[in-house]
Amino acid sequence: MSGRVALSADEFAGLNTITERIGDPQKRLPVKRDKPPARPITFRAAEDLRPFELAQLWCDRTAWPIDERTQYDELSELAVMSALAAWLRRWQPVAIHSAMLAGAHPESIMGALGNSLQVAFERWYEWAVRQRDFITSGSQGITAEEFDTVARRFAALGIRRNDLDGEGSDLPNRR
């Protein structure tokens, strides 16, 4: 058996009758919604969602009407898009750090980021300094060794922070 469903002549005729009565479902205009689905319409409301909820909502094409969009649809899509972009931007330095420690070639990181190595370094550095200096329950966010390892890999390519505190060091200064 091929998995196809065979229709009798009467059943097939019944489908034609339904199509005539309600119209071709591929050509029907979208139904106006009385109540819009519960979606955030502000950045703050969208940011309150967990990041994976935002990602799921963003990729759920059934949540976003294509035709006859309302201001609610437009504002909601903008809010979700903006909040998701903010989350992803905050996570980029973590991914850069992990990729460098895993041995990824810096050029590959540049390609994955879609930006220059200098931008990758700046995003990583801003995050890494805070993580290195952050102590909770007696542990650092990242170890000084991890910080130095990644900083040296960038420095080996000529990517460094020369404007830090006006000292012009090759590696970021540790305090």
N, C-alpha and C. Protein backbone atom coordinates (compact mmCIF):
# COMPACT_ATOMS: atom_id res chain seq x y z
N MET A 1 0.85 -1.18 0.00
CA MET A 1 0.00 0.00 0.00
C MET A 1 0.89 1.24 0.00
N SER A 2 0.58 2.22 -0.81
CA SER A 2 1.42 3.39 -1.00
C SER A 2 1.20 4.49 0.02
N GLY A 3 0.23 4.38 0.88
CA GLY A 3 -0.03 5.42 1.86
C GLY A 3 -1.00 6.47 1.35
N ARG A 4 -1.39 6.37 0.07
CA ARG A 4 -2.35 7.33 -0.48
C ARG A 4 -3.75 6.93 -0.07
N VAL A 5 -4.58 7.91 0.05
CA VAL A 5 -5.99 7.66 0.38
C VAL A 5 -6.78 7.75 -0.90
N ALA A 6 -7.49 6.69 -1.21
CA ALA A 6 -8.32 6.70 -2.41
C ALA A 6 -9.68 7.27 -2.06
N LEU A 7 -10.17 8.16 -2.91
CA LEU A 7 -11.49 8.74 -2.70
C LEU A 7 -12.46 8.15 -3.71
N SER A 8 -13.64 7.88 -3.23
CA SER A 8 -14.68 7.41 -4.15
C SER A 8 -15.15 8.61 -4.96
N ALA A 9 -15.89 8.32 -6.00
CA ALA A 9 -16.42 9.39 -6.85
C ALA A 9 -17.31 10.32 -6.04
N ASP A 10 -18.10 9.74 -5.12
CA ASP A 10 -19.00 10.56 -4.30
C ASP A 10 -18.20 11.46 -3.35
N GLU A 11 -17.14 10.90 -2.75
CA GLU A 11 -16.31 11.70 -1.85
C GLU A 11 -15.61 12.82 -2.61
N PHE A 12 -15.11 12.51 -3.80
CA PHE A 12 -14.44 13.51 -4.62
C PHE A 12 -15.42 14.61 -5.00
N ALA A 13 -16.63 14.23 -5.36
CA ALA A 13 -17.66 15.22 -5.69
C ALA A 13 -17.98 16.08 -4.47
N GLY A 14 -17.96 15.46 -3.30
CA GLY A 14 -18.20 16.21 -2.07
C GLY A 14 -17.14 17.28 -1.84
N LEU A 15 -15.89 16.98 -2.16
CA LEU A 15 -14.82 17.97 -2.03
C LEU A 15 -15.05 19.13 -2.97
N ASN A 16 -15.49 18.83 -4.18
CA ASN A 16 -15.78 19.91 -5.13
C ASN A 16 -16.90 20.80 -4.61
N THR A 17 -17.92 20.20 -3.99
CA THR A 17 -19.04 20.97 -3.44
C THR A 17 -18.54 21.88 -2.32
N ILE A 18 -17.69 21.34 -1.45
CA ILE A 18 -17.14 22.16 -0.36
C ILE A 18 -16.34 23.31 -0.92
N THR A 19 -15.51 23.03 -1.92
CA THR A 19 -14.68 24.08 -2.53
C THR A 19 -15.55 25.16 -3.15
N GLU A 20 -16.65 24.73 -3.79
CA GLU A 20 -17.56 25.71 -4.39
C GLU A 20 -18.22 26.56 -3.31
N ARG A 21 -18.58 25.94 -2.18
CA ARG A 21 -19.30 26.63 -1.12
C ARG A 21 -18.42 27.62 -0.36
N ILE A 22 -17.20 27.20 -0.01
CA ILE A 22 -16.35 28.07 0.80
C ILE A 22 -15.23 28.72 0.00
N GLY A 23 -15.03 28.30 -1.23
CA GLY A 23 -13.98 28.86 -2.04
C GLY A 23 -12.68 28.08 -1.89
N ASP A 24 -11.82 28.27 -2.82
CA ASP A 24 -10.52 27.58 -2.79
C ASP A 24 -9.75 28.08 -1.58
N PRO A 25 -9.34 27.16 -0.68
CA PRO A 25 -8.65 27.62 0.54
C PRO A 25 -7.32 28.31 0.24
N GLN A 26 -6.75 28.03 -0.91
CA GLN A 26 -5.48 28.68 -1.27
C GLN A 26 -5.70 30.12 -1.72
N LYS A 27 -6.94 30.45 -2.10
CA LYS A 27 -7.21 31.77 -2.65
C LYS A 27 -8.09 32.63 -1.75
N ARG A 28 -8.47 32.10 -0.60
CA ARG A 28 -9.33 32.86 0.30
C ARG A 28 -8.55 34.00 0.96
N LEU A 29 -9.25 35.07 1.24
CA LEU A 29 -8.64 36.17 1.99
C LEU A 29 -8.51 35.75 3.44
N PRO A 30 -7.52 36.26 4.13
CA PRO A 30 -7.37 35.89 5.53
C PRO A 30 -8.57 36.36 6.36
N VAL A 31 -8.86 35.61 7.36
CA VAL A 31 -9.98 35.93 8.25
C VAL A 31 -9.53 37.01 9.21
N LYS A 32 -10.38 38.00 9.39
CA LYS A 32 -10.07 39.04 10.39
C LYS A 32 -10.15 38.41 11.76
N ARG A 33 -9.19 38.72 12.58
CA ARG A 33 -9.18 38.18 13.94
C ARG A 33 -9.87 39.16 14.87
N ASP A 34 -10.79 38.64 15.67
CA ASP A 34 -11.42 39.48 16.67
C ASP A 34 -10.44 39.78 17.79
N LYS A 35 -9.74 38.75 18.24
CA LYS A 35 -8.78 38.89 19.31
C LYS A 35 -7.40 38.52 18.78
N PRO A 36 -6.46 39.42 18.86
CA PRO A 36 -5.13 39.07 18.41
C PRO A 36 -4.49 38.07 19.38
N PRO A 37 -3.60 37.22 18.87
CA PRO A 37 -2.93 36.29 19.77
C PRO A 37 -2.10 37.08 20.78
N ALA A 38 -1.87 36.49 21.93
CA ALA A 38 -1.10 37.17 22.97
C ALA A 38 0.37 37.23 22.56
N ARG A 39 0.78 38.38 22.12
CA ARG A 39 2.18 38.63 21.76
C ARG A 39 2.57 39.98 22.35
N PRO A 40 3.82 40.12 22.74
CA PRO A 40 4.25 41.41 23.29
C PRO A 40 4.27 42.48 22.21
N ILE A 41 3.97 43.71 22.60
CA ILE A 41 4.03 44.80 21.62
C ILE A 41 5.03 45.88 22.04
N THR A 42 5.75 45.65 23.14
CA THR A 42 6.81 46.58 23.54
C THR A 42 8.09 45.78 23.75
N PHE A 43 9.20 46.46 23.64
CA PHE A 43 10.49 45.83 23.87
C PHE A 43 10.56 45.26 25.28
N ARG A 44 10.10 46.05 26.26
CA ARG A 44 10.14 45.59 27.66
C ARG A 44 9.34 44.31 27.85
N ALA A 45 8.15 44.25 27.28
CA ALA A 45 7.33 43.05 27.42
C ALA A 45 7.98 41.86 26.72
N ALA A 46 8.56 42.10 25.57
CA ALA A 46 9.23 41.01 24.83
C ALA A 46 10.48 40.56 25.57
N GLU A 47 11.19 41.49 26.17
CA GLU A 47 12.41 41.15 26.90
C GLU A 47 12.11 40.31 28.14
N ASP A 48 10.88 40.40 28.64
CA ASP A 48 10.48 39.58 29.78
C ASP A 48 10.33 38.10 29.42
N LEU A 49 10.19 37.82 28.13
CA LEU A 49 10.13 36.42 27.70
C LEU A 49 11.53 35.83 27.76
N ARG A 50 11.59 34.52 27.96
CA ARG A 50 12.89 33.86 27.94
C ARG A 50 13.42 33.86 26.51
N PRO A 51 14.74 33.84 26.35
CA PRO A 51 15.32 33.95 25.01
C PRO A 51 14.84 32.88 24.04
N PHE A 52 14.70 31.64 24.51
CA PHE A 52 14.26 30.59 23.60
C PHE A 52 12.78 30.73 23.25
N GLU A 53 11.99 31.32 24.15
CA GLU A 53 10.60 31.62 23.81
C GLU A 53 10.56 32.66 22.70
N LEU A 54 11.41 33.67 22.80
CA LEU A 54 11.48 34.69 21.75
C LEU A 54 11.87 34.06 20.42
N ALA A 55 12.87 33.20 20.45
CA ALA A 55 13.33 32.56 19.22
C ALA A 55 12.22 31.70 18.61
N GLN A 56 11.51 30.96 19.46
CA GLN A 56 10.41 30.13 18.97
C GLN A 56 9.30 31.00 18.38
N LEU A 57 8.97 32.06 19.07
CA LEU A 57 7.92 32.96 18.57
C LEU A 57 8.34 33.57 17.25
N TRP A 58 9.59 33.99 17.17
CA TRP A 58 10.08 34.62 15.95
C TRP A 58 10.02 33.66 14.76
N CYS A 59 10.34 32.39 14.99
CA CYS A 59 10.36 31.45 13.86
C CYS A 59 9.01 30.80 13.60
N ASP A 60 8.03 31.05 14.43
CA ASP A 60 6.69 30.48 14.24
C ASP A 60 5.93 31.33 13.22
N ARG A 61 5.94 30.88 12.00
CA ARG A 61 5.31 31.66 10.92
C ARG A 61 3.80 31.77 11.10
N THR A 62 3.19 30.89 11.88
CA THR A 62 1.75 31.00 12.10
C THR A 62 1.42 32.15 13.04
N ALA A 63 2.39 32.64 13.79
CA ALA A 63 2.14 33.75 14.71
C ALA A 63 2.13 35.10 14.00
N TRP A 64 2.61 35.12 12.78
CA TRP A 64 2.75 36.39 12.06
C TRP A 64 1.94 36.35 10.77
N PRO A 65 0.80 37.03 10.76
CA PRO A 65 0.01 37.03 9.53
C PRO A 65 0.79 37.68 8.38
N ILE A 66 0.50 37.22 7.19
CA ILE A 66 1.20 37.76 6.02
C ILE A 66 0.40 38.90 5.41
N ASP A 67 -0.89 38.70 5.30
CA ASP A 67 -1.76 39.70 4.68
C ASP A 67 -2.55 40.44 5.75
N GLU A 68 -2.97 41.62 5.41
CA GLU A 68 -3.81 42.45 6.27
C GLU A 68 -3.26 42.56 7.69
N ARG A 69 -2.02 42.94 7.75
CA ARG A 69 -1.37 43.10 9.06
C ARG A 69 -1.87 44.35 9.74
N THR A 70 -2.03 44.24 11.04
CA THR A 70 -2.50 45.38 11.84
C THR A 70 -1.30 46.05 12.51
N GLN A 71 -1.56 47.18 13.13
CA GLN A 71 -0.48 47.82 13.88
C GLN A 71 0.00 46.91 15.00
N TYR A 72 -0.92 46.13 15.58
CA TYR A 72 -0.55 45.16 16.61
C TYR A 72 0.47 44.17 16.07
N ASP A 73 0.21 43.64 14.86
CA ASP A 73 1.14 42.69 14.24
C ASP A 73 2.51 43.31 14.03
N GLU A 74 2.51 44.53 13.51
CA GLU A 74 3.78 45.21 13.21
C GLU A 74 4.57 45.51 14.49
N LEU A 75 3.86 46.03 15.50
CA LEU A 75 4.54 46.36 16.76
C LEU A 75 5.04 45.10 17.46
N SER A 76 4.25 44.06 17.43
CA SER A 76 4.65 42.82 18.07
C SER A 76 5.87 42.22 17.40
N GLU A 77 5.87 42.20 16.08
CA GLU A 77 7.03 41.65 15.37
C GLU A 77 8.28 42.48 15.65
N LEU A 78 8.13 43.79 15.68
CA LEU A 78 9.26 44.67 15.98
C LEU A 78 9.77 44.43 17.40
N ALA A 79 8.86 44.30 18.36
CA ALA A 79 9.26 44.08 19.76
C ALA A 79 9.99 42.75 19.92
N VAL A 80 9.45 41.69 19.33
CA VAL A 80 10.08 40.37 19.44
C VAL A 80 11.43 40.38 18.74
N MET A 81 11.48 40.96 17.55
CA MET A 81 12.73 41.04 16.80
C MET A 81 13.79 41.81 17.59
N SER A 82 13.41 42.91 18.17
CA SER A 82 14.36 43.75 18.90
C SER A 82 14.87 43.06 20.17
N ALA A 83 13.97 42.43 20.91
CA ALA A 83 14.38 41.74 22.13
C ALA A 83 15.26 40.54 21.81
N LEU A 84 14.92 39.79 20.77
CA LEU A 84 15.74 38.65 20.38
C LEU A 84 17.12 39.11 19.92
N ALA A 85 17.17 40.19 19.16
CA ALA A 85 18.46 40.73 18.70
C ALA A 85 19.32 41.15 19.89
N ALA A 86 18.70 41.73 20.90
CA ALA A 86 19.46 42.14 22.09
C ALA A 86 20.04 40.92 22.81
N TRP A 87 19.22 39.87 22.96
CA TRP A 87 19.73 38.65 23.59
C TRP A 87 20.89 38.07 22.80
N LEU A 88 20.71 37.95 21.51
CA LEU A 88 21.74 37.35 20.67
C LEU A 88 23.03 38.18 20.69
N ARG A 89 22.87 39.49 20.70
CA ARG A 89 24.05 40.37 20.76
C ARG A 89 24.80 40.16 22.08
N ARG A 90 24.06 39.98 23.17
CA ARG A 90 24.71 39.73 24.47
C ARG A 90 25.41 38.39 24.51
N TRP A 91 24.91 37.43 23.75
CA TRP A 91 25.52 36.10 23.76
C TRP A 91 26.70 35.97 22.80
N GLN A 92 26.87 36.89 21.88
CA GLN A 92 27.97 36.79 20.92
C GLN A 92 29.34 36.68 21.59
N PRO A 93 29.65 37.49 22.58
CA PRO A 93 30.97 37.38 23.20
C PRO A 93 31.21 36.01 23.84
N VAL A 94 30.17 35.40 24.38
CA VAL A 94 30.31 34.07 24.97
C VAL A 94 30.69 33.07 23.88
N ALA A 95 30.02 33.18 22.74
CA ALA A 95 30.31 32.28 21.61
C ALA A 95 31.71 32.53 21.06
N ILE A 96 32.14 33.78 20.98
CA ILE A 96 33.49 34.11 20.52
C ILE A 96 34.51 33.50 21.47
N HIS A 97 34.31 33.68 22.76
CA HIS A 97 35.20 33.16 23.79
C HIS A 97 35.31 31.63 23.68
N SER A 98 34.16 30.98 23.61
CA SER A 98 34.14 29.51 23.53
C SER A 98 34.80 29.01 22.26
N ALA A 99 34.56 29.67 21.16
CA ALA A 99 35.16 29.26 19.89
C ALA A 99 36.68 29.41 19.92
N MET A 100 37.15 30.51 20.49
CA MET A 100 38.60 30.72 20.59
C MET A 100 39.23 29.66 21.47
N LEU A 101 38.63 29.37 22.61
CA LEU A 101 39.17 28.35 23.51
C LEU A 101 39.09 26.95 22.89
N ALA A 102 38.13 26.73 22.02
CA ALA A 102 37.99 25.43 21.36
C ALA A 102 38.96 25.28 20.19
N GLY A 103 39.70 26.37 19.89
CA GLY A 103 40.71 26.28 18.84
C GLY A 103 40.26 26.74 17.47
N ALA A 104 39.10 27.36 17.38
CA ALA A 104 38.63 27.85 16.07
C ALA A 104 39.61 28.89 15.53
N HIS A 105 39.81 28.87 14.24
CA HIS A 105 40.67 29.87 13.61
C HIS A 105 39.99 31.23 13.70
N PRO A 106 40.71 32.27 14.04
CA PRO A 106 40.10 33.59 14.14
C PRO A 106 39.38 34.02 12.86
N GLU A 107 39.92 33.62 11.70
CA GLU A 107 39.26 33.96 10.44
C GLU A 107 37.89 33.28 10.36
N SER A 108 37.79 32.09 10.93
CA SER A 108 36.50 31.39 10.96
C SER A 108 35.53 32.11 11.87
N ILE A 109 36.03 32.61 12.98
CA ILE A 109 35.19 33.38 13.90
C ILE A 109 34.70 34.64 13.21
N MET A 110 35.61 35.29 12.47
CA MET A 110 35.24 36.49 11.73
C MET A 110 34.13 36.16 10.73
N GLY A 111 34.27 35.03 10.03
CA GLY A 111 33.25 34.64 9.06
C GLY A 111 31.92 34.32 9.73
N ALA A 112 31.98 33.64 10.88
CA ALA A 112 30.74 33.29 11.59
C ALA A 112 30.06 34.54 12.14
N LEU A 113 30.84 35.48 12.61
CA LEU A 113 30.31 36.73 13.17
C LEU A 113 29.78 37.64 12.06
N GLY A 114 30.41 37.55 10.90
CA GLY A 114 30.02 38.44 9.81
C GLY A 114 30.55 39.84 9.98
N ASN A 115 31.69 39.93 10.68
CA ASN A 115 32.29 41.24 10.93
C ASN A 115 33.79 41.05 11.06
N SER A 116 34.51 42.11 11.32
CA SER A 116 35.97 42.07 11.39
C SER A 116 36.46 41.42 12.68
N LEU A 117 37.73 41.04 12.67
CA LEU A 117 38.35 40.52 13.90
C LEU A 117 38.41 41.59 14.98
N GLN A 118 38.58 42.83 14.58
CA GLN A 118 38.61 43.93 15.55
C GLN A 118 37.27 44.02 16.27
N VAL A 119 36.18 43.90 15.53
CA VAL A 119 34.85 43.94 16.14
C VAL A 119 34.66 42.72 17.05
N ALA A 120 35.11 41.55 16.59
CA ALA A 120 35.02 40.34 17.42
C ALA A 120 35.79 40.56 18.72
N PHE A 121 36.99 41.12 18.62
CA PHE A 121 37.80 41.37 19.81
C PHE A 121 37.10 42.35 20.75
N GLU A 122 36.59 43.45 20.21
CA GLU A 122 35.96 44.47 21.06
C GLU A 122 34.74 43.92 21.79
N ARG A 123 33.93 43.13 21.07
CA ARG A 123 32.76 42.54 21.72
C ARG A 123 33.19 41.54 22.80
N TRP A 124 34.17 40.70 22.47
CA TRP A 124 34.68 39.73 23.44
C TRP A 124 35.30 40.46 24.64
N TYR A 125 36.13 41.44 24.38
CA TYR A 125 36.87 42.12 25.44
C TYR A 125 35.95 42.78 26.46
N GLU A 126 34.97 43.51 25.97
CA GLU A 126 34.03 44.20 26.87
C GLU A 126 33.36 43.19 27.82
N TRP A 127 32.96 42.06 27.28
CA TRP A 127 32.33 41.02 28.10
C TRP A 127 33.34 40.33 29.00
N ALA A 128 34.51 39.98 28.44
CA ALA A 128 35.51 39.18 29.16
C ALA A 128 36.08 39.90 30.38
N VAL A 129 36.29 41.19 30.27
CA VAL A 129 36.82 41.95 31.42
C VAL A 129 35.84 41.87 32.58
N ARG A 130 34.57 42.05 32.28
CA ARG A 130 33.55 41.97 33.34
C ARG A 130 33.48 40.56 33.93
N GLN A 131 33.56 39.55 33.07
CA GLN A 131 33.49 38.17 33.55
C GLN A 131 34.72 37.79 34.37
N ARG A 132 35.87 38.26 33.93
CA ARG A 132 37.11 37.96 34.65
C ARG A 132 37.10 38.60 36.03
N ASP A 133 36.55 39.78 36.12
CA ASP A 133 36.53 40.52 37.38
C ASP A 133 35.31 40.19 38.25
N PHE A 134 34.38 39.42 37.72
CA PHE A 134 33.15 39.06 38.43
C PHE A 134 33.43 37.82 39.29
N ILE A 135 33.19 37.96 40.58
CA ILE A 135 33.40 36.84 41.51
C ILE A 135 32.07 36.54 42.18
N THR A 136 31.66 35.28 42.09
CA THR A 136 30.45 34.85 42.78
C THR A 136 30.73 33.49 43.40
N SER A 137 30.37 33.35 44.63
CA SER A 137 30.62 32.11 45.38
C SER A 137 32.09 31.70 45.30
N GLY A 138 32.97 32.68 45.28
CA GLY A 138 34.41 32.41 45.26
C GLY A 138 34.97 32.04 43.90
N SER A 139 34.15 32.09 42.84
CA SER A 139 34.63 31.73 41.51
C SER A 139 34.47 32.90 40.55
N GLN A 140 35.41 33.01 39.62
CA GLN A 140 35.32 34.04 38.59
C GLN A 140 34.38 33.58 37.49
N GLY A 141 33.84 34.56 36.76
CA GLY A 141 33.03 34.23 35.60
C GLY A 141 33.85 33.48 34.57
N ILE A 142 35.05 34.00 34.27
CA ILE A 142 36.04 33.27 33.48
C ILE A 142 37.37 33.43 34.22
N THR A 143 38.24 32.47 34.06
CA THR A 143 39.51 32.54 34.77
C THR A 143 40.45 33.51 34.07
N ALA A 144 41.44 33.98 34.82
CA ALA A 144 42.46 34.86 34.24
C ALA A 144 43.20 34.12 33.12
N GLU A 145 43.38 32.82 33.30
CA GLU A 145 44.07 32.03 32.28
C GLU A 145 43.27 31.99 30.98
N GLU A 146 41.96 31.78 31.08
CA GLU A 146 41.11 31.81 29.89
C GLU A 146 41.18 33.17 29.22
N PHE A 147 41.07 34.21 30.03
CA PHE A 147 41.13 35.58 29.50
C PHE A 147 42.43 35.79 28.75
N ASP A 148 43.55 35.45 29.38
CA ASP A 148 44.86 35.65 28.76
C ASP A 148 45.03 34.81 27.49
N THR A 149 44.53 33.60 27.51
CA THR A 149 44.63 32.73 26.33
C THR A 149 43.95 33.36 25.12
N VAL A 150 42.72 33.81 25.31
CA VAL A 150 41.98 34.41 24.20
C VAL A 150 42.62 35.74 23.80
N ALA A 151 43.02 36.56 24.77
CA ALA A 151 43.64 37.85 24.47
C ALA A 151 44.93 37.64 23.67
N ARG A 152 45.72 36.63 24.02
CA ARG A 152 46.97 36.36 23.28
C ARG A 152 46.69 35.89 21.85
N ARG A 153 45.64 35.11 21.67
CA ARG A 153 45.30 34.67 20.32
C ARG A 153 44.93 35.85 19.44
N PHE A 154 44.19 36.80 19.99
CA PHE A 154 43.88 38.01 19.24
C PHE A 154 45.15 38.82 19.01
N ALA A 155 45.97 38.98 20.05
CA ALA A 155 47.20 39.79 19.96
C ALA A 155 48.16 39.22 18.92
N ALA A 156 48.21 37.89 18.79
CA ALA A 156 49.09 37.26 17.80
C ALA A 156 48.72 37.67 16.38
N LEU A 157 47.51 38.12 16.19
CA LEU A 157 47.05 38.57 14.88
C LEU A 157 47.10 40.09 14.75
N GLY A 158 47.65 40.73 15.76
CA GLY A 158 47.74 42.19 15.75
C GLY A 158 46.48 42.87 16.24
N ILE A 159 45.58 42.11 16.79
CA ILE A 159 44.33 42.68 17.33
C ILE A 159 44.54 42.88 18.82
N ARG A 160 44.59 44.12 19.22
CA ARG A 160 44.83 44.42 20.63
C ARG A 160 44.12 45.70 21.01
N ARG A 161 44.16 45.95 22.25
CA ARG A 161 43.51 47.12 22.82
C ARG A 161 44.57 48.15 23.18
N ASN A 162 44.86 49.04 22.27
CA ASN A 162 45.92 50.03 22.50
C ASN A 162 45.43 51.27 23.25
N ASP A 163 44.14 51.45 23.30
CA ASP A 163 43.62 52.66 23.94
C ASP A 163 43.24 52.45 25.40
N LEU A 164 43.50 51.26 25.94
CA LEU A 164 43.10 50.95 27.30
C LEU A 164 43.87 51.80 28.31
N ASP A 165 43.16 52.61 29.02
CA ASP A 165 43.73 53.46 30.07
C ASP A 165 44.92 54.28 29.59
N GLY A 166 45.03 54.50 28.29
CA GLY A 166 46.12 55.30 27.76
C GLY A 166 47.49 54.65 27.90
N GLU A 167 47.54 53.37 28.27
CA GLU A 167 48.83 52.73 28.49
C GLU A 167 49.38 52.05 27.25
N GLY A 168 48.53 51.76 26.27
CA GLY A 168 48.99 51.21 25.02
C GLY A 168 49.63 49.83 25.11
N SER A 169 49.19 48.98 26.00
CA SER A 169 49.80 47.66 26.13
C SER A 169 49.34 46.74 25.02
N ASP A 170 50.14 45.70 24.76
CA ASP A 170 49.77 44.72 23.75
C ASP A 170 48.60 43.87 24.20
N LEU A 171 48.63 43.47 25.45
CA LEU A 171 47.53 42.71 26.01
C LEU A 171 46.71 43.61 26.92
N PRO A 172 45.44 43.32 27.02
CA PRO A 172 44.64 44.12 27.95
C PRO A 172 45.22 44.04 29.35
N ASN A 173 45.24 45.16 30.02
CA ASN A 173 45.78 45.20 31.39
C ASN A 173 44.86 44.48 32.35
N ARG A 174 45.45 43.73 33.24
CA ARG A 174 44.68 43.08 34.29
C ARG A 174 44.86 43.87 35.57
N ARG A 175 43.80 44.02 36.26
CA ARG A 175 43.87 44.77 37.53
C ARG A 175 43.79 43.84 38.68
